[in-house]
Protein backbone atom coordinates (compact mmCIF):
# COMPACT_ATOMS: atom_id res chain seq x y z
CA MET A 1 16.88 -3.07 -8.79
CA VAL A 2 18.55 0.34 -9.60
CA ALA A 3 18.77 1.53 -13.37
CA GLU A 4 21.95 3.07 -14.72
CA ASN A 5 20.42 6.48 -14.71
CA GLY A 6 19.72 5.93 -10.69
CA GLY A 7 16.11 5.43 -11.19
CA THR A 8 14.57 2.85 -9.24
CA SER A 9 11.03 2.58 -10.79
CA LYS A 10 11.86 -1.27 -11.89
CA ASP A 11 12.02 -1.86 -8.40
CA ILE A 12 8.89 -0.09 -7.35
CA ASN A 13 6.98 -1.77 -10.01
CA SER A 14 8.19 -5.22 -9.00
CA ARG A 15 7.65 -4.23 -5.22
CA ILE A 16 3.88 -3.32 -6.18
CA GLN A 17 3.45 -6.64 -8.42
CA LYS A 18 4.61 -8.67 -5.49
CA ALA A 19 2.15 -6.73 -2.79
CA ARG A 20 -0.47 -7.18 -5.61
CA GLY A 21 0.21 -11.14 -5.09
CA SER A 22 -0.02 -10.83 -1.30
CA PHE A 23 -3.30 -9.16 -1.60
CA SER A 24 -4.63 -11.59 -4.11
CA LYS A 25 -3.60 -14.67 -1.91
CA LEU A 26 -5.75 -13.04 1.55
CA ARG A 27 -8.76 -12.73 -1.06
CA LYS A 28 -10.78 -14.89 1.51
CA VAL A 29 -9.52 -12.88 4.21
CA TRP A 30 -10.87 -9.79 2.60
CA LEU A 31 -14.21 -11.01 1.76
CA ASN A 32 -14.69 -12.96 5.45
CA LYS A 33 -17.65 -11.30 6.59
CA SER A 34 -16.93 -12.39 10.22
CA LEU A 35 -13.66 -10.76 10.36
CA ARG A 36 -13.60 -7.22 11.89
CA LYS A 37 -12.31 -4.42 9.74
CA ASP A 38 -9.65 -3.13 12.41
CA THR A 39 -8.37 -6.66 11.95
CA LYS A 40 -8.49 -7.17 8.17
CA ILE A 41 -6.44 -3.66 8.39
CA LYS A 42 -4.00 -5.16 10.75
CA ILE A 43 -3.43 -8.14 8.11
CA PHE A 44 -3.13 -6.31 5.20
CA ASN A 45 -0.68 -4.04 7.20
CA ALA A 46 1.49 -6.82 8.00
CA CYS A 47 1.45 -8.99 4.99
CA VAL A 48 0.92 -6.38 1.88
CA LYS A 49 2.49 -3.29 3.14
CA TYR A 50 5.58 -4.95 4.20
CA VAL A 51 5.70 -6.48 1.05
CA LEU A 52 5.07 -3.08 -0.60
CA LEU A 53 7.67 -1.19 1.61
CA TYR A 54 10.66 -3.40 2.03
CA GLY A 55 13.79 -2.09 0.63
CA CYS A 56 12.08 1.49 0.40
CA GLU A 57 15.01 3.12 2.04
CA THR A 58 17.15 2.79 -1.15
CA TRP A 59 14.22 4.23 -3.11
CA LEU A 60 14.39 7.59 -5.22
CA VAL A 61 10.97 8.91 -4.49
CA THR A 62 9.04 10.93 -7.35
CA LYS A 63 5.42 12.57 -7.55
CA GLU A 64 4.89 9.58 -10.05
CA ILE A 65 5.98 6.93 -7.72
CA GLN A 66 4.12 8.35 -4.63
CA ARG A 67 0.74 8.24 -6.56
CA LYS A 68 1.49 4.70 -8.00
CA ILE A 69 1.75 3.45 -4.43
CA GLN A 70 -0.82 5.65 -3.05
CA THR A 71 -3.17 4.49 -5.62
CA PHE A 72 -2.31 0.91 -5.42
CA VAL A 73 -2.75 1.13 -1.24
CA ASN A 74 -6.00 2.91 -1.74
CA ARG A 75 -7.33 0.52 -4.01
CA CYS A 76 -6.45 -2.12 -1.58
CA LEU A 77 -8.06 -0.42 1.12
CA ARG A 78 -11.18 -0.05 -0.58
CA TYR A 79 -11.45 -3.51 -1.50
CA ILE A 80 -11.29 -4.40 2.11
CA LEU A 81 -13.86 -1.89 3.03
CA ARG A 82 -15.97 -3.14 -0.15
CA ILE A 83 -16.53 0.46 -1.69
CA TRP A 84 -16.98 -0.19 -5.14
CA TRP A 85 -18.17 2.12 -7.71
CA PRO A 86 -21.01 4.07 -7.64
CA ASN A 87 -20.22 4.09 -4.03
CA ILE A 88 -17.66 6.75 -3.46
CA ILE A 89 -15.46 7.98 -0.92
CA SER A 90 -13.05 10.23 -0.70
CA ASN A 91 -9.17 9.52 -0.02
CA LYS A 92 -8.83 11.41 3.43
CA ASP A 93 -11.95 9.74 4.48
CA LEU A 94 -10.52 6.34 3.45
CA TRP A 95 -7.37 7.02 5.47
CA LYS A 96 -9.54 8.45 8.72
CA VAL A 97 -12.20 5.17 8.57
CA THR A 98 -8.99 2.63 8.15
CA GLY A 99 -6.38 4.73 10.25
CA GLN A 100 -3.80 4.67 7.38
CA GLU A 101 -1.04 7.29 7.05
CA ASP A 102 -2.28 9.94 4.36
CA ASN A 103 1.01 9.34 2.71
CA PHE A 104 3.68 6.73 2.61
CA LEU A 105 6.55 9.07 2.17
CA PHE A 106 5.90 9.40 5.82
CA LEU A 107 6.64 5.94 6.42
CA ILE A 108 9.80 5.81 3.78
CA TYR A 109 11.43 8.97 5.38
CA ASN A 110 11.12 7.12 9.04
CA LYS A 111 12.56 4.24 7.64
CA LYS A 112 15.39 5.99 5.58
CA LYS A 113 16.23 7.39 9.27
CA LYS A 114 16.80 4.45 10.82
CA ILE A 115 19.67 3.73 8.70
C-alpha cells in the first residue's frame, strides 16, 4: 500500500500487525522451556521476521518507521528471552545475545540491492 503522497506507513503498520499475529500464534513455542534459545530465535527469524519484512524493498524508510520496526522486534526478542520489567537489558546486549542485526535497515537495503 502506497499512499497518495508516496508514504508507506500504512503498509508498514499492516506488516507489523501481521507479524504480531504470527508472533502471538507461536506463544506456546516462546513459552516452551524444553526448546533452546537459539532454536526459538531461528523460528522467530523464519516465521515472524519474514512476515514483517515481506515487500520491504518498496518501503520508504524514515526514522519513525525504523523506530517502529526496531521496537516491535526488540519487544518480541525480550518476550522470547523472558526479560520482563523490572529486569532490564540494553538493546545492544539484546542483539548480541540473540545474534540479531542491530538495525533492520541493513536487511532492507540488502533486499533492495537484489532487485
